Amino acid sequence: MISRTGIHAILALAFLAQLEPGAFAGASQLADRIGAPRNYLGKLLKQLAEKGLVESQKGFGGGFRLARAARKITLYDILEPIERVSKWNGCFLGRAKCSEKSPCSVHHRWSAIRTDYLEFLKETSVADVAESKVSL
Protein backbone atom coordinates (compact mmCIF):
# COMPACT_ATOMS: atom_id res chain seq x y z
CA MET A 1 0.00 0.00 0.00
CA ILE A 2 2.99 2.29 0.38
CA SER A 3 5.53 2.85 -2.37
CA ARG A 4 9.25 2.30 -1.85
CA THR A 5 9.61 6.11 -1.79
CA GLY A 6 7.07 6.36 1.01
CA ILE A 7 8.85 3.68 3.02
CA HIS A 8 12.20 5.42 2.55
CA ALA A 9 10.70 8.72 3.70
CA ILE A 10 9.22 7.14 6.84
CA LEU A 11 12.46 5.31 7.69
CA ALA A 12 14.57 8.42 7.09
CA LEU A 13 12.42 10.52 9.42
CA ALA A 14 12.41 7.75 12.03
CA PHE A 15 16.20 7.76 11.90
CA LEU A 16 16.26 11.55 12.25
CA ALA A 17 13.97 11.21 15.29
CA GLN A 18 16.68 9.18 17.00
CA LEU A 19 19.33 11.88 16.65
CA GLU A 20 20.48 13.95 19.59
CA PRO A 21 18.60 17.27 19.86
CA GLY A 22 20.03 19.80 17.42
CA ALA A 23 22.08 17.22 15.49
CA PHE A 24 21.97 16.82 11.73
CA ALA A 25 22.50 13.72 9.59
CA GLY A 26 23.77 13.80 6.03
CA ALA A 27 21.72 12.38 3.18
CA SER A 28 24.48 9.86 2.41
CA GLN A 29 24.53 8.66 6.01
CA LEU A 30 20.75 8.32 6.01
CA ALA A 31 20.74 6.54 2.65
CA ASP A 32 23.33 4.03 3.80
CA ARG A 33 21.47 3.43 7.05
CA ILE A 34 18.07 2.76 5.46
CA GLY A 35 19.28 1.14 2.23
CA ALA A 36 18.18 3.88 -0.17
CA PRO A 37 20.06 5.28 -3.18
CA ARG A 38 21.97 8.39 -2.08
CA ASN A 39 20.97 10.86 -4.82
CA TYR A 40 17.37 9.70 -4.70
CA LEU A 41 17.14 10.13 -0.92
CA GLY A 42 18.75 13.56 -1.10
CA LYS A 43 16.04 14.70 -3.53
CA LEU A 44 13.34 13.14 -1.38
CA LEU A 45 14.63 14.92 1.73
CA LYS A 46 14.63 18.24 -0.15
CA GLN A 47 11.00 17.61 -1.08
CA LEU A 48 10.18 16.90 2.59
CA ALA A 49 12.03 20.09 3.58
CA GLU A 50 9.80 22.06 1.20
CA LYS A 51 6.80 20.58 3.03
CA GLY A 52 8.20 21.68 6.40
CA LEU A 53 8.90 18.20 7.75
CA VAL A 54 12.68 18.43 7.85
CA GLU A 55 15.21 21.24 8.00
CA SER A 56 18.43 21.27 6.05
CA GLN A 57 21.75 22.92 6.68
CA LYS A 58 24.62 23.05 4.24
CA GLY A 59 28.28 22.77 5.08
CA PHE A 60 30.37 20.90 7.62
CA GLY A 61 28.16 19.37 10.31
CA GLY A 62 25.10 20.03 8.21
CA GLY A 63 22.53 17.71 6.74
CA PHE A 64 18.95 17.13 7.77
CA ARG A 65 16.97 17.04 10.99
CA LEU A 66 13.30 17.03 11.88
CA ALA A 67 11.62 20.43 11.59
CA ARG A 68 9.35 19.70 14.55
CA ALA A 69 8.97 17.12 17.29
CA ALA A 70 8.67 13.52 16.08
CA ARG A 71 5.37 13.20 17.98
CA LYS A 72 3.94 16.02 15.88
CA ILE A 73 4.76 14.46 12.50
CA THR A 74 2.35 11.74 11.42
CA LEU A 75 2.73 9.13 8.74
CA TYR A 76 -0.05 10.96 6.91
CA ASP A 77 2.05 14.16 6.94
CA ILE A 78 4.89 12.24 5.30
CA LEU A 79 2.89 10.20 2.81
CA GLU A 80 0.41 12.81 1.61
CA PRO A 81 2.90 14.84 -0.45
CA ILE A 82 4.47 11.64 -1.83
CA GLU A 83 1.57 9.23 -2.27
CA ARG A 84 -1.38 11.64 -2.29
CA VAL A 85 -3.27 9.30 0.02
CA SER A 86 -6.11 11.83 0.33
CA LYS A 87 -7.08 10.97 -3.26
CA TRP A 88 -8.36 7.66 -1.97
CA ASN A 89 -11.69 9.32 -1.28
CA GLY A 90 -12.91 8.30 -4.71
CA CYS A 91 -14.65 5.16 -5.79
CA PHE A 92 -12.53 2.01 -5.64
CA LEU A 93 -13.94 0.96 -9.02
CA GLY A 94 -13.53 4.44 -10.54
CA ARG A 95 -17.19 5.37 -10.76
CA ALA A 96 -17.83 9.12 -10.97
CA LYS A 97 -20.92 8.95 -8.76
CA CYS A 98 -20.28 6.51 -5.95
CA SER A 99 -21.67 7.41 -2.55
CA GLU A 100 -23.64 6.11 0.38
CA LYS A 101 -26.82 6.83 -1.60
CA SER A 102 -25.53 5.35 -4.86
CA PRO A 103 -22.81 2.84 -3.89
CA CYS A 104 -20.80 0.61 -6.18
CA SER A 105 -20.61 -3.10 -5.36
CA VAL A 106 -17.63 -2.68 -2.99
CA HIS A 107 -18.34 0.83 -1.64
CA HIS A 108 -19.17 -0.11 1.94
CA ARG A 109 -16.25 -2.50 2.37
CA TRP A 110 -13.75 -0.09 0.74
CA SER A 111 -15.07 2.87 2.71
CA ALA A 112 -14.44 1.10 6.01
CA ILE A 113 -10.95 -0.01 5.01
CA ARG A 114 -10.04 3.43 3.66
CA THR A 115 -11.27 5.14 6.81
CA ASP A 116 -9.33 2.78 9.09
CA TYR A 117 -6.17 3.10 7.00
CA LEU A 118 -6.26 6.91 6.88
CA GLU A 119 -6.96 7.03 10.63
CA PHE A 120 -3.93 4.80 11.21
CA LEU A 121 -1.74 7.15 9.16
CA LYS A 122 -3.07 10.22 10.98
CA GLU A 123 -2.70 8.66 14.44
CA THR A 124 0.76 7.12 14.00
CA SER A 125 3.69 9.46 14.49
CA VAL A 126 7.33 9.33 13.48
CA ALA A 127 8.07 8.88 17.19
CA ASP A 128 5.92 5.72 17.21
CA VAL A 129 7.98 4.29 14.35
CA ALA A 130 11.29 5.35 15.90
CA GLU A 131 10.34 3.94 19.32
CA SER A 132 9.36 0.58 17.89
CA LYS A 133 13.06 -0.21 17.58
CA VAL A 134 12.75 -0.70 13.85
CA SER A 135 16.09 -1.90 12.56
CA LEU A 136 17.37 1.27 10.95
C-alpha atoms as a PDB file:
ATOM      1  CA  MET A   1       0.000   0.000   0.000  1.00  0.00           C
ATOM      2  CA  ILE A   2       2.994   2.289   0.378  1.00  0.00           C
ATOM      3  CA  SER A   3       5.534   2.845  -2.368  1.00  0.00           C
ATOM      4  CA  ARG A   4       9.249   2.303  -1.852  1.00  0.00           C
ATOM      5  CA  THR A   5       9.609   6.106  -1.795  1.00  0.00           C
ATOM      6  CA  GLY A   6       7.068   6.360   1.013  1.00  0.00           C
ATOM      7  CA  ILE A   7       8.849   3.684   3.020  1.00  0.00           C
ATOM      8  CA  HIS A   8      12.204   5.416   2.552  1.00  0.00           C
ATOM      9  CA  ALA A   9      10.696   8.717   3.700  1.00  0.00           C
ATOM     10  CA  ILE A  10       9.221   7.144   6.841  1.00  0.00           C
ATOM     11  CA  LEU A  11      12.455   5.314   7.692  1.00  0.00           C
ATOM     12  CA  ALA A  12      14.575   8.424   7.089  1.00  0.00           C
ATOM     13  CA  LEU A  13      12.425  10.518   9.416  1.00  0.00           C
ATOM     14  CA  ALA A  14      12.407   7.754  12.028  1.00  0.00           C
ATOM     15  CA  PHE A  15      16.201   7.756  11.900  1.00  0.00           C
ATOM     16  CA  LEU A  16      16.259  11.553  12.254  1.00  0.00           C
ATOM     17  CA  ALA A  17      13.975  11.212  15.287  1.00  0.00           C
ATOM     18  CA  GLN A  18      16.680   9.177  16.998  1.00  0.00           C
ATOM     19  CA  LEU A  19      19.334  11.883  16.653  1.00  0.00           C
ATOM     20  CA  GLU A  20      20.484  13.950  19.593  1.00  0.00           C
ATOM     21  CA  PRO A  21      18.605  17.275  19.855  1.00  0.00           C
ATOM     22  CA  GLY A  22      20.029  19.802  17.418  1.00  0.00           C
ATOM     23  CA  ALA A  23      22.080  17.223  15.489  1.00  0.00           C
ATOM     24  CA  PHE A  24      21.973  16.824  11.733  1.00  0.00           C
ATOM     25  CA  ALA A  25      22.497  13.724   9.586  1.00  0.00           C
ATOM     26  CA  GLY A  26      23.768  13.798   6.025  1.00  0.00           C
ATOM     27  CA  ALA A  27      21.720  12.379   3.176  1.00  0.00           C
ATOM     28  CA  SER A  28      24.478   9.865   2.412  1.00  0.00           C
ATOM     29  CA  GLN A  29      24.526   8.659   6.011  1.00  0.00           C
ATOM     30  CA  LEU A  30      20.745   8.316   6.011  1.00  0.00           C
ATOM     31  CA  ALA A  31      20.740   6.537   2.650  1.00  0.00           C
ATOM     32  CA  ASP A  32      23.333   4.031   3.803  1.00  0.00           C
ATOM     33  CA  ARG A  33      21.472   3.429   7.052  1.00  0.00           C
ATOM     34  CA  ILE A  34      18.075   2.759   5.458  1.00  0.00           C
ATOM     35  CA  GLY A  35      19.279   1.142   2.231  1.00  0.00           C
ATOM     36  CA  ALA A  36      18.183   3.882  -0.173  1.00  0.00           C
ATOM     37  CA  PRO A  37      20.063   5.279  -3.176  1.00  0.00           C
ATOM     38  CA  ARG A  38      21.972   8.392  -2.081  1.00  0.00           C
ATOM     39  CA  ASN A  39      20.966  10.855  -4.825  1.00  0.00           C
ATOM     40  CA  TYR A  40      17.367   9.702  -4.700  1.00  0.00           C
ATOM     41  CA  LEU A  41      17.144  10.130  -0.918  1.00  0.00           C
ATOM     42  CA  GLY A  42      18.750  13.565  -1.097  1.00  0.00           C
ATOM     43  CA  LYS A  43      16.042  14.701  -3.533  1.00  0.00           C
ATOM     44  CA  LEU A  44      13.340  13.139  -1.378  1.00  0.00           C
ATOM     45  CA  LEU A  45      14.629  14.922   1.734  1.00  0.00           C
ATOM     46  CA  LYS A  46      14.625  18.236  -0.149  1.00  0.00           C
ATOM     47  CA  GLN A  47      10.999  17.614  -1.075  1.00  0.00           C
ATOM     48  CA  LEU A  48      10.178  16.905   2.588  1.00  0.00           C
ATOM     49  CA  ALA A  49      12.027  20.088   3.585  1.00  0.00           C
ATOM     50  CA  GLU A  50       9.804  22.063   1.198  1.00  0.00           C
ATOM     51  CA  LYS A  51       6.802  20.577   3.026  1.00  0.00           C
ATOM     52  CA  GLY A  52       8.203  21.684   6.396  1.00  0.00           C
ATOM     53  CA  LEU A  53       8.896  18.198   7.751  1.00  0.00           C
ATOM     54  CA  VAL A  54      12.682  18.429   7.850  1.00  0.00           C
ATOM     55  CA  GLU A  55      15.211  21.242   8.004  1.00  0.00           C
ATOM     56  CA  SER A  56      18.427  21.267   6.047  1.00  0.00           C
ATOM     57  CA  GLN A  57      21.749  22.919   6.680  1.00  0.00           C
ATOM     58  CA  LYS A  58      24.622  23.051   4.238  1.00  0.00           C
ATOM     59  CA  GLY A  59      28.279  22.766   5.075  1.00  0.00           C
ATOM     60  CA  PHE A  60      30.368  20.904   7.616  1.00  0.00           C
ATOM     61  CA  GLY A  61      28.159  19.374  10.312  1.00  0.00           C
ATOM     62  CA  GLY A  62      25.096  20.027   8.213  1.00  0.00           C
ATOM     63  CA  GLY A  63      22.533  17.706   6.741  1.00  0.00           C
ATOM     64  CA  PHE A  64      18.948  17.127   7.768  1.00  0.00           C
ATOM     65  CA  ARG A  65      16.965  17.044  10.991  1.00  0.00           C
ATOM     66  CA  LEU A  66      13.297  17.031  11.879  1.00  0.00           C
ATOM     67  CA  ALA A  67      11.619  20.432  11.588  1.00  0.00           C
ATOM     68  CA  ARG A  68       9.353  19.698  14.552  1.00  0.00           C
ATOM     69  CA  ALA A  69       8.970  17.124  17.289  1.00  0.00           C
ATOM     70  CA  ALA A  70       8.666  13.522  16.083  1.00  0.00           C
ATOM     71  CA  ARG A  71       5.367  13.196  17.983  1.00  0.00           C
ATOM     72  CA  LYS A  72       3.938  16.017  15.880  1.00  0.00           C
ATOM     73  CA  ILE A  73       4.760  14.463  12.501  1.00  0.00           C
ATOM     74  CA  THR A  74       2.349  11.744  11.417  1.00  0.00           C
ATOM     75  CA  LEU A  75       2.726   9.127   8.739  1.00  0.00           C
ATOM     76  CA  TYR A  76      -0.053  10.959   6.914  1.00  0.00           C
ATOM     77  CA  ASP A  77       2.052  14.156   6.939  1.00  0.00           C
ATOM     78  CA  ILE A  78       4.894  12.237   5.304  1.00  0.00           C
ATOM     79  CA  LEU A  79       2.894  10.201   2.805  1.00  0.00           C
ATOM     80  CA  GLU A  80       0.407  12.807   1.614  1.00  0.00           C
ATOM     81  CA  PRO A  81       2.899  14.838  -0.451  1.00  0.00           C
ATOM     82  CA  ILE A  82       4.475  11.644  -1.827  1.00  0.00           C
ATOM     83  CA  GLU A  83       1.571   9.226  -2.266  1.00  0.00           C
ATOM     84  CA  ARG A  84      -1.384  11.641  -2.293  1.00  0.00           C
ATOM     85  CA  VAL A  85      -3.274   9.301   0.021  1.00  0.00           C
ATOM     86  CA  SER A  86      -6.106  11.831   0.330  1.00  0.00           C
ATOM     87  CA  LYS A  87      -7.084  10.967  -3.257  1.00  0.00           C
ATOM     88  CA  TRP A  88      -8.357   7.658  -1.967  1.00  0.00           C
ATOM     89  CA  ASN A  89     -11.686   9.324  -1.284  1.00  0.00           C
ATOM     90  CA  GLY A  90     -12.909   8.300  -4.706  1.00  0.00           C
ATOM     91  CA  CYS A  91     -14.650   5.158  -5.790  1.00  0.00           C
ATOM     92  CA  PHE A  92     -12.533   2.008  -5.645  1.00  0.00           C
ATOM     93  CA  LEU A  93     -13.937   0.962  -9.024  1.00  0.00           C
ATOM     94  CA  GLY A  94     -13.529   4.437 -10.536  1.00  0.00           C
ATOM     95  CA  ARG A  95     -17.185   5.374 -10.761  1.00  0.00           C
ATOM     96  CA  ALA A  96     -17.827   9.118 -10.969  1.00  0.00           C
ATOM     97  CA  LYS A  97     -20.916   8.953  -8.759  1.00  0.00           C
ATOM     98  CA  CYS A  98     -20.275   6.510  -5.947  1.00  0.00           C
ATOM     99  CA  SER A  99     -21.669   7.412  -2.548  1.00  0.00           C
ATOM    100  CA  GLU A 100     -23.643   6.106   0.381  1.00  0.00           C
ATOM    101  CA  LYS A 101     -26.817   6.830  -1.603  1.00  0.00           C
ATOM    102  CA  SER A 102     -25.526   5.348  -4.856  1.00  0.00           C
ATOM    103  CA  PRO A 103     -22.806   2.845  -3.894  1.00  0.00           C
ATOM    104  CA  CYS A 104     -20.799   0.608  -6.182  1.00  0.00           C
ATOM    105  CA  SER A 105     -20.613  -3.098  -5.356  1.00  0.00           C
ATOM    106  CA  VAL A 106     -17.625  -2.681  -2.987  1.00  0.00           C
ATOM    107  CA  HIS A 107     -18.340   0.825  -1.644  1.00  0.00           C
ATOM    108  CA  HIS A 108     -19.171  -0.109   1.942  1.00  0.00           C
ATOM    109  CA  ARG A 109     -16.248  -2.497   2.366  1.00  0.00           C
ATOM    110  CA  TRP A 110     -13.749  -0.088   0.738  1.00  0.00           C
ATOM    111  CA  SER A 111     -15.074   2.872   2.710  1.00  0.00           C
ATOM    112  CA  ALA A 112     -14.441   1.097   6.015  1.00  0.00           C
ATOM    113  CA  ILE A 113     -10.946  -0.009   5.010  1.00  0.00           C
ATOM    114  CA  ARG A 114     -10.038   3.428   3.656  1.00  0.00           C
ATOM    115  CA  THR A 115     -11.272   5.143   6.812  1.00  0.00           C
ATOM    116  CA  ASP A 116      -9.325   2.783   9.091  1.00  0.00           C
ATOM    117  CA  TYR A 117      -6.165   3.100   6.996  1.00  0.00           C
ATOM    118  CA  LEU A 118      -6.264   6.906   6.883  1.00  0.00           C
ATOM    119  CA  GLU A 119      -6.956   7.035  10.633  1.00  0.00           C
ATOM    120  CA  PHE A 120      -3.930   4.802  11.213  1.00  0.00           C
ATOM    121  CA  LEU A 121      -1.737   7.145   9.157  1.00  0.00           C
ATOM    122  CA  LYS A 122      -3.065  10.216  10.980  1.00  0.00           C
ATOM    123  CA  GLU A 123      -2.703   8.664  14.444  1.00  0.00           C
ATOM    124  CA  THR A 124       0.763   7.117  13.999  1.00  0.00           C
ATOM    125  CA  SER A 125       3.692   9.463  14.491  1.00  0.00           C
ATOM    126  CA  VAL A 126       7.329   9.332  13.483  1.00  0.00           C
ATOM    127  CA  ALA A 127       8.068   8.880  17.191  1.00  0.00           C
ATOM    128  CA  ASP A 128       5.925   5.721  17.210  1.00  0.00           C
ATOM    129  CA  VAL A 129       7.981   4.285  14.352  1.00  0.00           C
ATOM    130  CA  ALA A 130      11.293   5.348  15.901  1.00  0.00           C
ATOM    131  CA  GLU A 131      10.343   3.937  19.318  1.00  0.00           C
ATOM    132  CA  SER A 132       9.362   0.578  17.888  1.00  0.00           C
ATOM    133  CA  LYS A 133      13.062  -0.208  17.582  1.00  0.00           C
ATOM    134  CA  VAL A 134      12.748  -0.704  13.846  1.00  0.00           C
ATOM    135  CA  SER A 135      16.090  -1.899  12.560  1.00  0.00           C
ATOM    136  CA  LEU A 136      17.372   1.267  10.952  1.00  0.00           C
END
